[in-house]
Amino acid sequence: MVLSGVAPGTLLAENEEGAAYFQQACTRCHRNPSEVSYAFEGPDAAAEMDAFLSRHHASDPDLRAALIAWFRSQTSE
């Protein structure tokens, strides 16, 4: 099964990496992912979150992508 051109294993790996990054870098100030993700909803949420995170302690684009994928998986559960 392929979702949006991305293999499911890739999504799982990104989610795990995003969760680990959140635990390592974000929980010092943000204990719950909803404290961050609530501000980013709608069709442009991923792009808006990427722009915000690039200015907010997440300069690595690969880690930002993993973190965004994880945030989005949390809000869809």
C-alpha atoms as a PDB file:
ATOM      1  CA  MET A   1       0.000   0.000   0.000  1.00  0.00           C
ATOM      2  CA  VAL A   2       1.249   3.462  -0.866  1.00  0.00           C
ATOM      3  CA  LEU A   3      -0.163   6.638   0.640  1.00  0.00           C
ATOM      4  CA  SER A   4       0.566   9.867  -1.190  1.00  0.00           C
ATOM      5  CA  GLY A   5       3.555   8.268  -2.882  1.00  0.00           C
ATOM      6  CA  VAL A   6       5.220   7.349   0.420  1.00  0.00           C
ATOM      7  CA  ALA A   7       5.689   3.757   1.473  1.00  0.00           C
ATOM      8  CA  PRO A   8       4.088   2.852   4.843  1.00  0.00           C
ATOM      9  CA  GLY A   9       7.438   1.811   6.321  1.00  0.00           C
ATOM     10  CA  THR A  10       8.781   5.272   5.600  1.00  0.00           C
ATOM     11  CA  LEU A  11       5.867   6.850   7.462  1.00  0.00           C
ATOM     12  CA  LEU A  12       6.437   4.582  10.454  1.00  0.00           C
ATOM     13  CA  ALA A  13      10.152   5.392  10.540  1.00  0.00           C
ATOM     14  CA  GLU A  14       9.425   9.123  10.287  1.00  0.00           C
ATOM     15  CA  ASN A  15       6.880   8.889  13.087  1.00  0.00           C
ATOM     16  CA  GLU A  16       9.339   7.077  15.346  1.00  0.00           C
ATOM     17  CA  GLU A  17      12.081   9.579  14.568  1.00  0.00           C
ATOM     18  CA  GLY A  18       9.691  12.496  15.106  1.00  0.00           C
ATOM     19  CA  ALA A  19       8.522  11.078  18.441  1.00  0.00           C
ATOM     20  CA  ALA A  20      12.113  10.595  19.583  1.00  0.00           C
ATOM     21  CA  TYR A  21      13.048  14.119  18.508  1.00  0.00           C
ATOM     22  CA  PHE A  22      10.044  15.558  20.354  1.00  0.00           C
ATOM     23  CA  GLN A  23      11.071  13.689  23.520  1.00  0.00           C
ATOM     24  CA  GLN A  24      14.678  14.811  23.201  1.00  0.00           C
ATOM     25  CA  ALA A  25      14.287  18.431  22.161  1.00  0.00           C
ATOM     26  CA  CYS A  26      10.766  19.668  22.830  1.00  0.00           C
ATOM     27  CA  THR A  27       9.505  18.239  26.108  1.00  0.00           C
ATOM     28  CA  ARG A  28      11.651  20.606  28.152  1.00  0.00           C
ATOM     29  CA  CYS A  29       9.105  23.297  27.313  1.00  0.00           C
ATOM     30  CA  HIS A  30       6.194  21.461  25.669  1.00  0.00           C
ATOM     31  CA  ARG A  31       5.008  18.451  27.641  1.00  0.00           C
ATOM     32  CA  ASN A  32       2.203  17.548  25.257  1.00  0.00           C
ATOM     33  CA  PRO A  33       2.350  17.665  21.441  1.00  0.00           C
ATOM     34  CA  SER A  34      -1.067  19.315  21.368  1.00  0.00           C
ATOM     35  CA  GLU A  35       0.531  22.382  22.990  1.00  0.00           C
ATOM     36  CA  VAL A  36       2.258  22.949  19.663  1.00  0.00           C
ATOM     37  CA  SER A  37       0.135  21.324  16.988  1.00  0.00           C
ATOM     38  CA  TYR A  38      -3.165  23.036  17.905  1.00  0.00           C
ATOM     39  CA  ALA A  39      -1.930  26.199  16.196  1.00  0.00           C
ATOM     40  CA  PHE A  40      -1.424  24.454  12.869  1.00  0.00           C
ATOM     41  CA  GLU A  41      -4.577  23.242  11.195  1.00  0.00           C
ATOM     42  CA  GLY A  42      -5.954  23.247   7.677  1.00  0.00           C
ATOM     43  CA  PRO A  43      -4.507  22.549   4.261  1.00  0.00           C
ATOM     44  CA  ASP A  44      -1.329  24.580   4.814  1.00  0.00           C
ATOM     45  CA  ALA A  45      -0.593  23.222   8.287  1.00  0.00           C
ATOM     46  CA  ALA A  46       2.535  21.280   7.330  1.00  0.00           C
ATOM     47  CA  ALA A  47       4.080  24.230   5.481  1.00  0.00           C
ATOM     48  CA  GLU A  48       3.209  26.633   8.296  1.00  0.00           C
ATOM     49  CA  MET A  49       4.634  24.271  10.895  1.00  0.00           C
ATOM     50  CA  ASP A  50       7.811  23.827   8.841  1.00  0.00           C
ATOM     51  CA  ALA A  51       8.285  27.595   8.599  1.00  0.00           C
ATOM     52  CA  PHE A  52       7.711  27.997  12.335  1.00  0.00           C
ATOM     53  CA  LEU A  53      10.009  25.132  13.340  1.00  0.00           C
ATOM     54  CA  SER A  54      12.810  26.382  11.091  1.00  0.00           C
ATOM     55  CA  ARG A  55      12.870  29.481  13.311  1.00  0.00           C
ATOM     56  CA  HIS A  56      12.177  27.624  16.562  1.00  0.00           C
ATOM     57  CA  HIS A  57      15.059  25.298  17.456  1.00  0.00           C
ATOM     58  CA  ALA A  58      14.714  22.874  14.504  1.00  0.00           C
ATOM     59  CA  SER A  59      17.135  23.908  11.799  1.00  0.00           C
ATOM     60  CA  ASP A  60      17.589  20.400  10.326  1.00  0.00           C
ATOM     61  CA  PRO A  61      15.027  19.924   7.509  1.00  0.00           C
ATOM     62  CA  ASP A  62      14.963  16.121   7.857  1.00  0.00           C
ATOM     63  CA  LEU A  63      14.233  16.320  11.590  1.00  0.00           C
ATOM     64  CA  ARG A  64      11.571  18.958  10.932  1.00  0.00           C
ATOM     65  CA  ALA A  65       9.919  16.674   8.377  1.00  0.00           C
ATOM     66  CA  ALA A  66       9.934  13.771  10.828  1.00  0.00           C
ATOM     67  CA  LEU A  67       8.594  15.954  13.620  1.00  0.00           C
ATOM     68  CA  ILE A  68       5.820  17.344  11.411  1.00  0.00           C
ATOM     69  CA  ALA A  69       4.832  13.836  10.259  1.00  0.00           C
ATOM     70  CA  TRP A  70       4.665  12.761  13.903  1.00  0.00           C
ATOM     71  CA  PHE A  71       2.635  15.825  14.944  1.00  0.00           C
ATOM     72  CA  ARG A  72       0.183  15.189  12.110  1.00  0.00           C
ATOM     73  CA  SER A  73      -0.150  11.522  13.094  1.00  0.00           C
ATOM     74  CA  GLN A  74      -0.984  12.609  16.664  1.00  0.00           C
ATOM     75  CA  THR A  75      -3.810  14.861  15.555  1.00  0.00           C
ATOM     76  CA  SER A  76      -5.296  12.243  13.225  1.00  0.00           C
ATOM     77  CA  GLU A  77      -5.591   9.591  15.952  1.00  0.00           C
END
